[in-house]
C-alpha atoms as a PDB file:
ATOM      1  CA  MET A   1      -0.821  -8.167  19.092  1.00  0.00           C
ATOM      2  CA  ARG A   2       0.863  -4.945  17.970  1.00  0.00           C
ATOM      3  CA  ALA A   3       2.545  -5.072  14.581  1.00  0.00           C
ATOM      4  CA  MET A   4       4.173  -2.585  12.237  1.00  0.00           C
ATOM      5  CA  LEU A   5       3.748  -3.070   8.489  1.00  0.00           C
ATOM      6  CA  ILE A   6       6.762  -1.596   6.696  1.00  0.00           C
ATOM      7  CA  ALA A   7       5.826  -1.082   3.055  1.00  0.00           C
ATOM      8  CA  ASN A   8       8.027  -0.059   0.165  1.00  0.00           C
ATOM      9  CA  PRO A   9       5.664   1.787  -2.213  1.00  0.00           C
ATOM     10  CA  LYS A  10       8.268   1.628  -4.997  1.00  0.00           C
ATOM     11  CA  ALA A  11       8.922  -2.121  -4.902  1.00  0.00           C
ATOM     12  CA  THR A  12       8.218  -3.935  -8.139  1.00  0.00           C
ATOM     13  CA  SER A  13       4.491  -4.813  -8.455  1.00  0.00           C
ATOM     14  CA  THR A  14       3.608  -2.910  -5.287  1.00  0.00           C
ATOM     15  CA  SER A  15       0.424  -0.869  -5.300  1.00  0.00           C
ATOM     16  CA  ARG A  16      -1.514   1.044  -2.706  1.00  0.00           C
ATOM     17  CA  ARG A  17      -4.479  -1.210  -3.454  1.00  0.00           C
ATOM     18  CA  ALA A  18      -2.465  -4.304  -2.507  1.00  0.00           C
ATOM     19  CA  ARG A  19      -1.321  -2.640   0.698  1.00  0.00           C
ATOM     20  CA  ASP A  20      -4.872  -1.631   1.613  1.00  0.00           C
ATOM     21  CA  THR A  21      -6.062  -5.186   0.979  1.00  0.00           C
ATOM     22  CA  LEU A  22      -3.412  -6.459   3.395  1.00  0.00           C
ATOM     23  CA  VAL A  23      -4.542  -3.995   6.031  1.00  0.00           C
ATOM     24  CA  ARG A  24      -8.104  -5.312   5.775  1.00  0.00           C
ATOM     25  CA  THR A  25      -6.838  -8.903   5.880  1.00  0.00           C
ATOM     26  CA  PHE A  26      -4.925  -8.390   9.124  1.00  0.00           C
ATOM     27  CA  SER A  27      -7.291  -5.920  10.778  1.00  0.00           C
ATOM     28  CA  GLY A  28      -9.131  -8.567  12.783  1.00  0.00           C
ATOM     29  CA  ASP A  29      -5.937 -10.154  14.087  1.00  0.00           C
ATOM     30  CA  LEU A  30      -3.538  -7.276  14.670  1.00  0.00           C
ATOM     31  CA  ASP A  31      -3.289  -3.784  16.056  1.00  0.00           C
ATOM     32  CA  LEU A  32      -1.556  -2.697  12.874  1.00  0.00           C
ATOM     33  CA  VAL A  33       0.476   0.458  12.243  1.00  0.00           C
ATOM     34  CA  ILE A  34       1.344   1.287   8.613  1.00  0.00           C
ATOM     35  CA  ALA A  35       4.775   2.776   7.900  1.00  0.00           C
ATOM     36  CA  GLU A  36       5.785   3.571   4.302  1.00  0.00           C
ATOM     37  CA  THR A  37       9.414   3.969   3.343  1.00  0.00           C
ATOM     38  CA  ALA A  38      10.406   7.246   1.713  1.00  0.00           C
ATOM     39  CA  ARG A  39      14.114   6.728   1.032  1.00  0.00           C
ATOM     40  CA  ARG A  40      16.881   4.161   1.060  1.00  0.00           C
ATOM     41  CA  GLY A  41      17.595   3.071   4.618  1.00  0.00           C
ATOM     42  CA  HIS A  42      14.209   4.231   5.917  1.00  0.00           C
ATOM     43  CA  ALA A  43      13.021   0.667   6.637  1.00  0.00           C
ATOM     44  CA  THR A  44      16.005   0.272   8.980  1.00  0.00           C
ATOM     45  CA  ASP A  45      14.949   3.339  10.973  1.00  0.00           C
ATOM     46  CA  LEU A  46      11.333   2.190  11.133  1.00  0.00           C
ATOM     47  CA  ALA A  47      12.213  -1.341  12.266  1.00  0.00           C
ATOM     48  CA  ARG A  48      14.559  -0.016  14.930  1.00  0.00           C
ATOM     49  CA  ARG A  49      11.748   2.167  16.230  1.00  0.00           C
ATOM     50  CA  ALA A  50       9.429  -0.867  16.324  1.00  0.00           C
ATOM     51  CA  ALA A  51      12.020  -2.756  18.375  1.00  0.00           C
ATOM     52  CA  GLU A  52      12.523   0.147  20.782  1.00  0.00           C
ATOM     53  CA  GLU A  53       8.769   0.589  21.242  1.00  0.00           C
ATOM     54  CA  GLY A  54       8.174  -3.087  21.987  1.00  0.00           C
ATOM     55  CA  TYR A  55       6.101  -4.180  19.008  1.00  0.00           C
ATOM     56  CA  ASP A  56       5.306  -7.886  18.850  1.00  0.00           C
ATOM     57  CA  ALA A  57       5.925  -8.255  15.127  1.00  0.00           C
ATOM     58  CA  VAL A  58       7.196  -6.347  12.117  1.00  0.00           C
ATOM     59  CA  ILE A  59       5.845  -7.196   8.654  1.00  0.00           C
ATOM     60  CA  ALA A  60       8.113  -6.334   5.722  1.00  0.00           C
ATOM     61  CA  LEU A  61       6.151  -5.758   2.507  1.00  0.00           C
ATOM     62  CA  GLY A  62       8.613  -5.416  -0.342  1.00  0.00           C
ATOM     63  CA  GLY A  63      11.569  -7.098  -1.986  1.00  0.00           C
ATOM     64  CA  ASP A  64      14.821  -8.416  -0.576  1.00  0.00           C
ATOM     65  CA  GLY A  65      16.172  -4.885  -0.112  1.00  0.00           C
ATOM     66  CA  THR A  66      13.267  -3.923   2.148  1.00  0.00           C
ATOM     67  CA  VAL A  67      13.663  -7.162   4.107  1.00  0.00           C
ATOM     68  CA  ASN A  68      17.401  -6.573   4.550  1.00  0.00           C
ATOM     69  CA  GLU A  69      16.880  -3.044   5.839  1.00  0.00           C
ATOM     70  CA  THR A  70      14.158  -4.257   8.216  1.00  0.00           C
ATOM     71  CA  VAL A  71      16.420  -6.986   9.593  1.00  0.00           C
ATOM     72  CA  ASN A  72      19.211  -4.494  10.210  1.00  0.00           C
ATOM     73  CA  GLY A  73      16.834  -2.202  12.054  1.00  0.00           C
ATOM     74  CA  LEU A  74      15.520  -4.987  14.261  1.00  0.00           C
ATOM     75  CA  LEU A  75      19.056  -6.207  15.033  1.00  0.00           C
ATOM     76  CA  ALA A  76      20.624  -2.763  15.471  1.00  0.00           C
ATOM     77  CA  ASP A  77      21.650  -3.715  19.015  1.00  0.00           C
ATOM     78  CA  GLY A  78      22.203  -7.395  18.280  1.00  0.00           C
ATOM     79  CA  PRO A  79      20.022 -10.515  18.492  1.00  0.00           C
ATOM     80  CA  ASP A  80      17.593 -10.768  21.402  1.00  0.00           C
ATOM     81  CA  PRO A  81      14.698 -13.245  21.868  1.00  0.00           C
ATOM     82  CA  ALA A  82      12.550 -10.337  23.079  1.00  0.00           C
ATOM     83  CA  LEU A  83      12.772  -8.506  19.738  1.00  0.00           C
ATOM     84  CA  PRO A  84       9.722  -8.379  17.451  1.00  0.00           C
ATOM     85  CA  ALA A  85       9.314 -11.370  15.167  1.00  0.00           C
ATOM     86  CA  LEU A  86       9.723 -10.679  11.446  1.00  0.00           C
ATOM     87  CA  ALA A  87       7.065 -11.554   8.880  1.00  0.00           C
ATOM     88  CA  VAL A  88       7.904 -11.324   5.172  1.00  0.00           C
ATOM     89  CA  LEU A  89       5.371 -10.571   2.443  1.00  0.00           C
ATOM     90  CA  PRO A  90       7.222 -10.793  -0.890  1.00  0.00           C
ATOM     91  CA  ILE A  91       6.361  -8.226  -3.496  1.00  0.00           C
ATOM     92  CA  GLY A  92       9.697  -7.463  -5.135  1.00  0.00           C
ATOM     93  CA  SER A  93      11.432  -8.659  -8.286  1.00  0.00           C
ATOM     94  CA  ALA A  94      13.359 -11.621  -6.798  1.00  0.00           C
ATOM     95  CA  ASN A  95      12.198 -12.387  -3.214  1.00  0.00           C
ATOM     96  CA  VAL A  96      15.051 -14.843  -2.632  1.00  0.00           C
ATOM     97  CA  PHE A  97      14.777 -14.791   1.171  1.00  0.00           C
ATOM     98  CA  ALA A  98      11.019 -15.431   1.120  1.00  0.00           C
ATOM     99  CA  ARG A  99      11.454 -18.336  -1.281  1.00  0.00           C
ATOM    100  CA  ALA A 100      14.273 -19.804   0.828  1.00  0.00           C
ATOM    101  CA  LEU A 101      11.934 -19.719   3.829  1.00  0.00           C
ATOM    102  CA  GLY A 102       9.419 -21.761   1.841  1.00  0.00           C
ATOM    103  CA  LEU A 103       6.823 -19.011   1.498  1.00  0.00           C
ATOM    104  CA  PRO A 104       4.558 -19.080  -1.562  1.00  0.00           C
ATOM    105  CA  GLY A 105       5.827 -16.868  -4.351  1.00  0.00           C
ATOM    106  CA  ASP A 106       2.581 -14.966  -4.707  1.00  0.00           C
ATOM    107  CA  LEU A 107       1.450 -12.285  -2.268  1.00  0.00           C
ATOM    108  CA  VAL A 108      -1.964 -13.881  -1.630  1.00  0.00           C
ATOM    109  CA  GLY A 109      -0.462 -17.253  -0.729  1.00  0.00           C
ATOM    110  CA  ALA A 110       2.266 -15.721   1.439  1.00  0.00           C
ATOM    111  CA  THR A 111      -0.290 -13.558   3.243  1.00  0.00           C
ATOM    112  CA  ARG A 112      -2.373 -16.630   4.038  1.00  0.00           C
ATOM    113  CA  VAL A 113       0.638 -18.467   5.500  1.00  0.00           C
ATOM    114  CA  VAL A 114       1.733 -15.452   7.566  1.00  0.00           C
ATOM    115  CA  ARG A 115      -1.778 -14.814   8.862  1.00  0.00           C
ATOM    116  CA  GLU A 116      -2.175 -18.439   9.969  1.00  0.00           C
ATOM    117  CA  ALA A 117       1.253 -18.361  11.652  1.00  0.00           C
ATOM    118  CA  LEU A 118       0.414 -15.135  13.504  1.00  0.00           C
ATOM    119  CA  ARG A 119      -2.855 -16.616  14.750  1.00  0.00           C
ATOM    120  CA  ALA A 120      -1.073 -19.755  15.943  1.00  0.00           C
ATOM    121  CA  GLY A 121       1.883 -17.863  17.425  1.00  0.00           C
ATOM    122  CA  ARG A 122       4.143 -19.901  15.169  1.00  0.00           C
ATOM    123  CA  HIS A 123       7.680 -18.899  14.232  1.00  0.00           C
ATOM    124  CA  ARG A 124      11.125 -20.296  13.498  1.00  0.00           C
ATOM    125  CA  THR A 125      14.503 -18.889  14.463  1.00  0.00           C
ATOM    126  CA  VAL A 126      17.083 -18.632  11.686  1.00  0.00           C
ATOM    127  CA  GLY A 127      20.744 -17.782  11.492  1.00  0.00           C
ATOM    128  CA  LEU A 128      22.017 -14.840   9.465  1.00  0.00           C
ATOM    129  CA  GLY A 129      25.336 -13.513   8.255  1.00  0.00           C
ATOM    130  CA  THR A 130      27.115 -10.210   8.743  1.00  0.00           C
ATOM    131  CA  ALA A 131      29.617  -8.294   6.640  1.00  0.00           C
ATOM    132  CA  ARG A 132      32.115  -6.264   8.679  1.00  0.00           C
ATOM    133  CA  HIS A 133      34.335  -3.489   7.320  1.00  0.00           C
ATOM    134  CA  PRO A 134      37.832  -2.890   8.732  1.00  0.00           C
ATOM    135  CA  ASP A 135      36.472   0.193  10.536  1.00  0.00           C
ATOM    136  CA  GLY A 136      34.133  -2.071  12.527  1.00  0.00           C
ATOM    137  CA  ALA A 137      30.886  -1.177  10.750  1.00  0.00           C
ATOM    138  CA  GLU A 138      28.784  -4.321  10.387  1.00  0.00           C
ATOM    139  CA  ARG A 139      25.654  -5.141   8.397  1.00  0.00           C
ATOM    140  CA  TYR A 140      23.462  -8.243   8.444  1.00  0.00           C
ATOM    141  CA  PHE A 141      22.470 -10.198   5.360  1.00  0.00           C
ATOM    142  CA  THR A 142      19.745 -12.798   5.058  1.00  0.00           C
ATOM    143  CA  PHE A 143      20.767 -15.002   2.139  1.00  0.00           C
ATOM    144  CA  CYS A 144      23.891 -13.842   0.283  1.00  0.00           C
ATOM    145  CA  ALA A 145      26.728 -11.428  -0.264  1.00  0.00           C
ATOM    146  CA  GLY A 146      28.954 -11.133  -3.296  1.00  0.00           C
ATOM    147  CA  ILE A 147      32.221  -9.532  -4.358  1.00  0.00           C
ATOM    148  CA  GLY A 148      33.191  -9.186  -7.999  1.00  0.00           C
ATOM    149  CA  LEU A 149      31.182  -9.927 -11.124  1.00  0.00           C
ATOM    150  CA  ASP A 150      27.781 -10.494  -9.535  1.00  0.00           C
ATOM    151  CA  ALA A 151      28.026  -7.223  -7.600  1.00  0.00           C
ATOM    152  CA  GLU A 152      29.060  -5.429 -10.767  1.00  0.00           C
ATOM    153  CA  VAL A 153      25.951  -6.797 -12.481  1.00  0.00           C
ATOM    154  CA  VAL A 154      23.777  -5.639  -9.577  1.00  0.00           C
ATOM    155  CA  ARG A 155      25.339  -2.175  -9.884  1.00  0.00           C
ATOM    156  CA  GLU A 156      24.597  -2.025 -13.619  1.00  0.00           C
ATOM    157  CA  VAL A 157      21.022  -3.256 -13.122  1.00  0.00           C
ATOM    158  CA  GLU A 158      20.411  -0.580 -10.493  1.00  0.00           C
ATOM    159  CA  ARG A 159      21.661   2.049 -12.948  1.00  0.00           C
ATOM    160  CA  ARG A 160      19.288   0.786 -15.618  1.00  0.00           C
ATOM    161  CA  ARG A 161      16.376   0.691 -13.179  1.00  0.00           C
ATOM    162  CA  ALA A 162      17.102   4.282 -12.192  1.00  0.00           C
ATOM    163  CA  ALA A 163      16.907   5.153 -15.894  1.00  0.00           C
ATOM    164  CA  GLY A 164      13.474   3.541 -16.155  1.00  0.00           C
ATOM    165  CA  ALA A 165      14.188  -0.097 -17.044  1.00  0.00           C
ATOM    166  CA  ARG A 166      11.801  -2.716 -15.649  1.00  0.00           C
ATOM    167  CA  ALA A 167      13.407  -5.067 -13.125  1.00  0.00           C
ATOM    168  CA  ASP A 168      12.768  -8.614 -14.278  1.00  0.00           C
ATOM    169  CA  PRO A 169      14.946 -11.714 -14.773  1.00  0.00           C
ATOM    170  CA  SER A 170      15.622 -10.848 -18.418  1.00  0.00           C
ATOM    171  CA  LEU A 171      17.182  -7.521 -17.391  1.00  0.00           C
ATOM    172  CA  TYR A 172      19.619  -9.337 -15.097  1.00  0.00           C
ATOM    173  CA  VAL A 173      20.480 -11.918 -17.763  1.00  0.00           C
ATOM    174  CA  ARG A 174      21.043  -9.318 -20.499  1.00  0.00           C
ATOM    175  CA  THR A 175      23.121  -7.166 -18.180  1.00  0.00           C
ATOM    176  CA  ALA A 176      25.193 -10.120 -16.954  1.00  0.00           C
ATOM    177  CA  VAL A 177      26.020 -11.299 -20.472  1.00  0.00           C
ATOM    178  CA  ARG A 178      26.924  -7.809 -21.667  1.00  0.00           C
ATOM    179  CA  HIS A 179      29.022  -7.059 -18.597  1.00  0.00           C
ATOM    180  CA  PHE A 180      30.820 -10.419 -18.684  1.00  0.00           C
ATOM    181  CA  PHE A 181      32.088  -9.819 -22.204  1.00  0.00           C
ATOM    182  CA  SER A 182      32.692  -6.072 -22.143  1.00  0.00           C
ATOM    183  CA  GLY A 183      32.691  -4.775 -18.556  1.00  0.00           C
ATOM    184  CA  THR A 184      34.414  -6.921 -15.965  1.00  0.00           C
ATOM    185  CA  ASP A 185      38.142  -7.625 -15.665  1.00  0.00           C
ATOM    186  CA  ARG A 186      38.608 -11.277 -16.662  1.00  0.00           C
ATOM    187  CA  ARG A 187      42.418 -11.189 -16.743  1.00  0.00           C
ATOM    188  CA  ARG A 188      43.590 -10.038 -13.305  1.00  0.00           C
ATOM    189  CA  PRO A 189      42.296 -12.012 -10.290  1.00  0.00           C
ATOM    190  CA  ALA A 190      42.369  -9.829  -7.192  1.00  0.00           C
ATOM    191  CA  LEU A 191      40.722 -11.698  -4.312  1.00  0.00           C
ATOM    192  CA  ARG A 192      42.276 -13.678  -1.460  1.00  0.00           C
ATOM    193  CA  LEU A 193      40.013 -15.878   0.693  1.00  0.00           C
ATOM    194  CA  GLU A 194      41.043 -16.399   4.317  1.00  0.00           C
ATOM    195  CA  VAL A 195      39.398 -18.893   6.661  1.00  0.00           C
ATOM    196  CA  PRO A 196      40.762 -19.224  10.219  1.00  0.00           C
ATOM    197  CA  GLY A 197      42.771 -22.420  10.587  1.00  0.00           C
ATOM    198  CA  ARG A 198      43.038 -23.072   6.846  1.00  0.00           C
ATOM    199  CA  ALA A 199      45.453 -22.118   4.109  1.00  0.00           C
ATOM    200  CA  ALA A 200      44.448 -18.955   2.236  1.00  0.00           C
ATOM    201  CA  LYS A 201      43.083 -19.325  -1.286  1.00  0.00           C
ATOM    202  CA  GLU A 202      44.589 -16.853  -3.728  1.00  0.00           C
ATOM    203  CA  ASP A 203      43.783 -15.394  -7.134  1.00  0.00           C
ATOM    204  CA  LEU A 204      39.983 -15.405  -7.131  1.00  0.00           C
ATOM    205  CA  PHE A 205      37.947 -13.314  -9.559  1.00  0.00           C
ATOM    206  CA  LEU A 206      34.721 -13.439  -7.559  1.00  0.00           C
ATOM    207  CA  ALA A 207      33.166 -14.901  -4.444  1.00  0.00           C
ATOM    208  CA  PHE A 208      29.598 -15.612  -3.302  1.00  0.00           C
ATOM    209  CA  ILE A 209      28.943 -15.946   0.431  1.00  0.00           C
ATOM    210  CA  SER A 210      25.737 -17.878   1.082  1.00  0.00           C
ATOM    211  CA  ASN A 211      23.680 -18.116   4.243  1.00  0.00           C
ATOM    212  CA  THR A 212      21.136 -20.443   2.625  1.00  0.00           C
ATOM    213  CA  SER A 213      20.414 -22.027  -0.719  1.00  0.00           C
ATOM    214  CA  PRO A 214      19.694 -21.176  -3.410  1.00  0.00           C
ATOM    215  CA  TRP A 215      21.990 -18.202  -3.826  1.00  0.00           C
ATOM    216  CA  THR A 216      19.503 -16.454  -6.112  1.00  0.00           C
ATOM    217  CA  PHE A 217      16.982 -17.139  -8.865  1.00  0.00           C
ATOM    218  CA  MET A 218      17.029 -16.732 -12.627  1.00  0.00           C
ATOM    219  CA  GLY A 219      13.304 -16.252 -13.041  1.00  0.00           C
ATOM    220  CA  PRO A 220      11.788 -19.538 -11.793  1.00  0.00           C
ATOM    221  CA  LEU A 221      15.164 -21.323 -11.854  1.00  0.00           C
ATOM    222  CA  PRO A 222      17.217 -21.499  -8.644  1.00  0.00           C
ATOM    223  CA  VAL A 223      20.909 -20.641  -9.000  1.00  0.00           C
ATOM    224  CA  ASN A 224      22.656 -22.882  -6.516  1.00  0.00           C
ATOM    225  CA  PRO A 225      26.468 -22.826  -6.222  1.00  0.00           C
ATOM    226  CA  SER A 226      26.383 -23.944  -2.557  1.00  0.00           C
ATOM    227  CA  PRO A 227      23.381 -26.298  -2.096  1.00  0.00           C
ATOM    228  CA  ARG A 228      24.462 -27.403   1.397  1.00  0.00           C
ATOM    229  CA  ALA A 229      24.109 -23.870   2.802  1.00  0.00           C
ATOM    230  CA  ASN A 230      21.165 -23.405   5.147  1.00  0.00           C
ATOM    231  CA  PHE A 231      19.897 -21.159   7.928  1.00  0.00           C
ATOM    232  CA  ALA A 232      20.952 -23.611  10.664  1.00  0.00           C
ATOM    233  CA  ARG A 233      24.646 -23.722   9.716  1.00  0.00           C
ATOM    234  CA  GLY A 234      27.539 -21.383   9.095  1.00  0.00           C
ATOM    235  CA  LEU A 235      28.388 -19.618   5.856  1.00  0.00           C
ATOM    236  CA  ASP A 236      29.262 -21.249   2.543  1.00  0.00           C
ATOM    237  CA  VAL A 237      31.589 -19.648  -0.011  1.00  0.00           C
ATOM    238  CA  PHE A 238      31.851 -20.228  -3.748  1.00  0.00           C
ATOM    239  CA  GLY A 239      34.737 -18.675  -5.700  1.00  0.00           C
ATOM    240  CA  MET A 240      36.060 -18.747  -9.263  1.00  0.00           C
ATOM    241  CA  ARG A 241      39.746 -18.779 -10.220  1.00  0.00           C
ATOM    242  CA  SER A 242      38.974 -18.274 -13.904  1.00  0.00           C
ATOM    243  CA  LEU A 243      36.486 -16.217 -15.876  1.00  0.00           C
ATOM    244  CA  ASP A 244      37.321 -17.790 -19.207  1.00  0.00           C
ATOM    245  CA  VAL A 245      34.179 -18.629 -21.160  1.00  0.00           C
ATOM    246  CA  ALA A 246      34.316 -22.436 -20.915  1.00  0.00           C
ATOM    247  CA  PRO A 247      34.819 -22.812 -17.129  1.00  0.00           C
ATOM    248  CA  THR A 248      32.363 -20.016 -16.401  1.00  0.00           C
ATOM    249  CA  LEU A 249      29.615 -21.534 -18.556  1.00  0.00           C
ATOM    250  CA  GLY A 250      30.349 -24.954 -17.077  1.00  0.00           C
ATOM    251  CA  ALA A 251      30.022 -23.659 -13.517  1.00  0.00           C
ATOM    252  CA  LEU A 252      26.814 -21.782 -14.355  1.00  0.00           C
ATOM    253  CA  ALA A 253      25.290 -24.877 -15.955  1.00  0.00           C
ATOM    254  CA  ARG A 254      26.009 -26.898 -12.811  1.00  0.00           C
ATOM    255  CA  MET A 255      24.540 -24.128 -10.615  1.00  0.00           C
ATOM    256  CA  LEU A 256      21.267 -24.426 -12.538  1.00  0.00           C
ATOM    257  CA  THR A 257      21.104 -28.213 -12.148  1.00  0.00           C
ATOM    258  CA  ALA A 258      19.319 -29.743  -9.168  1.00  0.00           C
ATOM    259  CA  ARG A 259      22.052 -31.162  -6.972  1.00  0.00           C
ATOM    260  CA  THR A 260      23.032 -31.814  -3.357  1.00  0.00           C
ATOM    261  CA  ARG A 261      26.776 -31.229  -3.747  1.00  0.00           C
ATOM    262  CA  PRO A 262      28.441 -27.877  -4.442  1.00  0.00           C
ATOM    263  CA  VAL A 263      29.764 -26.933  -7.849  1.00  0.00           C
ATOM    264  CA  GLN A 264      33.261 -28.343  -8.175  1.00  0.00           C
ATOM    265  CA  GLY A 265      36.196 -28.207 -10.589  1.00  0.00           C
ATOM    266  CA  ARG A 266      39.795 -27.053 -10.807  1.00  0.00           C
ATOM    267  CA  HIS A 267      38.718 -23.444 -11.326  1.00  0.00           C
ATOM    268  CA  VAL A 268      36.316 -23.513  -8.367  1.00  0.00           C
ATOM    269  CA  VAL A 269      36.834 -22.867  -4.646  1.00  0.00           C
ATOM    270  CA  ASN A 270      34.313 -24.008  -2.006  1.00  0.00           C
ATOM    271  CA  VAL A 271      34.019 -23.479   1.736  1.00  0.00           C
ATOM    272  CA  HIS A 272      31.220 -25.063   3.783  1.00  0.00           C
ATOM    273  CA  ASP A 273      29.800 -24.192   7.208  1.00  0.00           C
ATOM    274  CA  ALA A 274      32.330 -21.505   8.118  1.00  0.00           C
ATOM    275  CA  THR A 275      31.998 -19.390  11.241  1.00  0.00           C
ATOM    276  CA  GLU A 276      34.012 -16.577   9.676  1.00  0.00           C
ATOM    277  CA  VAL A 277      35.729 -15.798   6.379  1.00  0.00           C
ATOM    278  CA  THR A 278      37.658 -12.754   5.158  1.00  0.00           C
ATOM    279  CA  LEU A 279      38.034 -11.580   1.577  1.00  0.00           C
ATOM    280  CA  ARG A 280      40.845  -9.193   0.681  1.00  0.00           C
ATOM    281  CA  SER A 281      41.507  -7.551  -2.656  1.00  0.00           C
ATOM    282  CA  ASP A 282      44.505  -5.733  -4.095  1.00  0.00           C
ATOM    283  CA  ARG A 283      42.120  -3.213  -5.683  1.00  0.00           C
ATOM    284  CA  PRO A 284      38.618  -1.915  -4.848  1.00  0.00           C
ATOM    285  CA  MET A 285      35.965  -4.408  -5.973  1.00  0.00           C
ATOM    286  CA  ALA A 286      32.179  -4.189  -6.274  1.00  0.00           C
ATOM    287  CA  PHE A 287      30.224  -5.495  -3.283  1.00  0.00           C
ATOM    288  CA  GLN A 288      26.559  -6.481  -2.917  1.00  0.00           C
ATOM    289  CA  LEU A 289      24.501  -7.663   0.016  1.00  0.00           C
ATOM    290  CA  ASP A 290      21.138  -9.408  -0.461  1.00  0.00           C
ATOM    291  CA  GLY A 291      21.010  -8.019  -3.986  1.00  0.00           C
ATOM    292  CA  ASP A 292      21.754  -4.374  -3.104  1.00  0.00           C
ATOM    293  CA  TYR A 293      24.907  -2.744  -4.445  1.00  0.00           C
ATOM    294  CA  LEU A 294      26.933  -1.193  -1.604  1.00  0.00           C
ATOM    295  CA  GLY A 295      29.973   0.255  -3.361  1.00  0.00           C
ATOM    296  CA  GLU A 296      33.553  -0.971  -3.668  1.00  0.00           C
ATOM    297  CA  ARG A 297      35.627  -2.601  -0.934  1.00  0.00           C
ATOM    298  CA  GLU A 298      39.139  -3.981  -0.484  1.00  0.00           C
ATOM    299  CA  CYS A 299      38.557  -6.014   2.696  1.00  0.00           C
ATOM    300  CA  LEU A 300      35.448  -7.552   4.265  1.00  0.00           C
ATOM    301  CA  THR A 301      34.983 -10.139   7.004  1.00  0.00           C
ATOM    302  CA  PHE A 302      31.835 -12.258   6.920  1.00  0.00           C
ATOM    303  CA  ARG A 303      30.559 -13.846  10.110  1.00  0.00           C
ATOM    304  CA  SER A 304      27.831 -16.394  10.828  1.00  0.00           C
ATOM    305  CA  VAL A 305      25.295 -15.390  13.506  1.00  0.00           C
ATOM    306  CA  PRO A 306      23.313 -18.453  14.687  1.00  0.00           C
ATOM    307  CA  LYS A 307      19.693 -18.060  15.824  1.00  0.00           C
ATOM    308  CA  ALA A 308      19.719 -14.383  14.977  1.00  0.00           C
ATOM    309  CA  ILE A 309      16.039 -13.597  14.374  1.00  0.00           C
ATOM    310  CA  ARG A 310      12.539 -15.050  14.748  1.00  0.00           C
ATOM    311  CA  ILE A 311      10.577 -15.442  11.517  1.00  0.00           C
ATOM    312  CA  VAL A 312       6.781 -15.749  11.437  1.00  0.00           C
ATOM    313  CA  ILE A 313       6.053 -18.756   9.259  1.00  0.00           C
END
């Protein structure tokens, strides 16, 4: 079996020693080609090449950003059962997609599961989401997208990481608290949520679009605004009509509580199992996809893509 290992040498906790250990682990099972990323977007180019050259599998070694780029490279021409299967080895700061798949959180445990699945030829096919700009450009996401406060926090965290800060859950929490009170606009709601066949929902401050649950993690704690979201259904949306302290803290507390129903309340908007949703804003708003900040947008359409990719697991 031919496989390409796409490794992000800058991912949190990544080391050349860990990569070399993986190579030895898989050497008896795979004809393995190592490809290290050198810049943002490089994993997309490498995965596309693997698809064009007919590899059997692509192994993404890195965090959620590396996985997202790899997925977009594999699906550059759309889903196809003949495309290489994707294996995920989590070694980033969050690894939300890997956790949602049920992989062990540690690299050794995840490697063992992936190796056994490769030997057995075992995989599962999961649905994904896409975000489409008005100009037609479209990008896949594996677990979530966000417009508003959460994307602003991602942007600020990326700035701090670029300045040398260590990416860990405490950095996200500190940044979120600081930005909530002194950075984001909590007075002027700007978002409009449109779902085909339903009345539009106006005056939202933020929206999370989930392809699975949980939406993210706060260290070991899952953050779960839309617990019914999963890879076999459409997209779920969670929105807030108020960013006052009391309703925001109340919603966050419910997100952190184990539950089977979505967070609810008069300041909350929920959509479940949607094929397509559009978010429009009357001003440019921060946008993130799978935890990567992608700039500001005024209109995005999110679409569910069933059975989009094969995952080795």
